[in-house]
Amino acid sequence: MDSVSNILGIDKVNMNGKLILIEEQHDSNANFLLNSVIFNALKNNYGICFVLFHNTINHYHNMGMKFGYNLTLLKEKDKITIIEPMKMIAYNMKYIYEPTKNCIINDVFIIIKK
């Protein structure tokens, strides 16, 4: 992993407080690149906040185990923060479609029915 960090120049950059966006395009896989960044951040004791739209934290945990780090343990130790907006949306959608008194409607999303 260090050689990938060296090639990318990640090892020469102070990533503390920086936002790194890794976007996967159709038919691409950024797992190796992402794990290189994570590995380097952990090595330098940076905090990590995952905002996951595509894969779940379990996917990245499994990848991390192959590269020698345990995201579940890091989460328990408050070394990483995980935000999964799609899970939040799915949870809120359940309440939008259930006709109850305690219906929660998220004002960020508008659902238009025919």
Protein backbone atom coordinates (compact mmCIF):
# COMPACT_ATOMS: atom_id res chain seq x y z
CA MET A 1 0.00 0.00 0.00
CA ASP A 2 2.87 2.38 0.69
CA SER A 3 4.04 2.11 -2.93
CA VAL A 4 0.59 3.13 -4.20
CA SER A 5 0.56 6.08 -1.79
CA ASN A 6 4.03 7.05 -3.05
CA ILE A 7 2.99 6.86 -6.71
CA LEU A 8 -0.15 8.91 -6.09
CA GLY A 9 1.78 11.39 -3.95
CA ILE A 10 -0.63 10.89 -1.06
CA ASP A 11 2.26 10.34 1.33
CA LYS A 12 3.55 13.89 0.63
CA VAL A 13 0.24 15.64 1.35
CA ASN A 14 -1.09 16.56 4.78
CA MET A 15 -4.62 15.20 4.44
CA ASN A 16 -5.71 16.37 7.89
CA GLY A 17 -8.92 18.36 7.43
CA LYS A 18 -9.08 17.67 3.68
CA LEU A 19 -12.03 16.28 1.77
CA ILE A 20 -11.21 13.52 -0.70
CA LEU A 21 -13.88 12.55 -3.17
CA ILE A 22 -13.49 9.25 -4.97
CA GLU A 23 -16.23 8.76 -7.52
CA GLU A 24 -16.75 5.49 -9.31
CA GLN A 25 -18.05 5.85 -12.84
CA HIS A 26 -20.02 3.17 -14.69
CA ASP A 27 -18.00 -0.05 -15.05
CA SER A 28 -15.19 1.14 -12.78
CA ASN A 29 -14.02 0.04 -9.38
CA ALA A 30 -12.19 2.39 -7.02
CA ASN A 31 -11.70 -0.09 -4.17
CA PHE A 32 -7.94 -0.32 -4.53
CA LEU A 33 -7.52 3.46 -4.69
CA LEU A 34 -9.91 4.00 -1.80
CA ASN A 35 -8.13 1.45 0.35
CA SER A 36 -4.80 3.11 -0.42
CA VAL A 37 -6.16 6.44 0.84
CA ILE A 38 -7.71 4.81 3.93
CA PHE A 39 -4.52 2.89 4.70
CA ASN A 40 -2.45 6.08 4.46
CA ALA A 41 -4.92 8.04 6.62
CA LEU A 42 -4.90 5.36 9.31
CA LYS A 43 -1.10 5.16 9.21
CA ASN A 44 -0.95 8.92 9.87
CA ASN A 45 -3.66 8.74 12.55
CA TYR A 46 -6.11 10.95 10.62
CA GLY A 47 -9.81 10.74 11.37
CA ILE A 48 -11.97 9.35 8.58
CA CYS A 49 -15.60 10.08 7.76
CA PHE A 50 -17.18 7.78 5.20
CA VAL A 51 -20.21 9.08 3.30
CA LEU A 52 -21.37 5.98 1.46
CA PHE A 53 -23.80 6.09 -1.43
CA HIS A 54 -22.97 2.94 -3.36
CA ASN A 55 -21.60 0.16 -1.15
CA THR A 56 -22.34 -0.54 2.49
CA ILE A 57 -19.86 -0.30 5.33
CA ASN A 58 -19.74 -4.12 5.38
CA HIS A 59 -18.28 -4.04 1.86
CA TYR A 60 -15.52 -1.66 2.94
CA HIS A 61 -14.97 -3.62 6.15
CA ASN A 62 -14.40 -6.79 4.12
CA MET A 63 -12.02 -4.94 1.81
CA GLY A 64 -10.20 -3.47 4.82
CA MET A 65 -9.70 -6.88 6.38
CA LYS A 66 -7.84 -7.93 3.23
CA PHE A 67 -5.59 -4.87 3.59
CA GLY A 68 -5.00 -5.30 7.32
CA TYR A 69 -7.44 -2.97 9.05
CA ASN A 70 -10.77 -3.58 10.78
CA LEU A 71 -13.37 -0.85 10.17
CA THR A 72 -15.76 -2.30 12.76
CA LEU A 73 -13.10 -2.04 15.45
CA LEU A 74 -12.08 1.43 14.26
CA LYS A 75 -15.72 2.54 14.45
CA GLU A 76 -16.02 1.22 18.00
CA LYS A 77 -12.89 3.19 18.93
CA ASP A 78 -14.34 6.37 17.30
CA LYS A 79 -11.51 6.49 14.75
CA ILE A 80 -13.98 6.58 11.86
CA THR A 81 -17.45 8.01 11.31
CA ILE A 82 -19.89 6.42 8.90
CA ILE A 83 -22.77 8.20 7.16
CA GLU A 84 -25.02 6.14 4.90
CA PRO A 85 -27.57 8.54 3.34
CA MET A 86 -29.29 5.82 1.31
CA LYS A 87 -30.11 3.90 4.50
CA MET A 88 -31.53 7.10 6.01
CA ILE A 89 -33.65 7.72 2.93
CA ALA A 90 -34.93 4.13 2.87
CA TYR A 91 -35.82 4.35 6.55
CA ASN A 92 -37.69 7.65 6.04
CA MET A 93 -39.47 6.36 2.92
CA LYS A 94 -41.07 3.68 5.06
CA TYR A 95 -42.85 6.38 7.04
CA ILE A 96 -43.86 8.45 4.02
CA TYR A 97 -45.95 5.64 2.58
CA GLU A 98 -47.48 4.36 5.84
CA PRO A 99 -50.72 6.21 6.58
CA THR A 100 -50.25 6.86 10.30
CA LYS A 101 -50.68 9.87 12.58
CA ASN A 102 -46.96 9.89 13.28
CA CYS A 103 -46.00 10.09 9.63
CA ILE A 104 -42.56 11.61 9.14
CA ILE A 105 -42.07 13.48 5.87
CA ASN A 106 -38.58 14.56 4.96
CA ASP A 107 -38.89 18.07 3.50
CA VAL A 108 -35.74 17.64 1.40
CA PHE A 109 -37.36 15.06 -0.83
CA ILE A 110 -40.58 15.62 -2.73
CA ILE A 111 -42.46 12.62 -4.05
CA ILE A 112 -44.82 13.27 -6.96
CA LYS A 113 -47.47 10.65 -7.59
CA LYS A 114 -49.50 10.29 -10.78
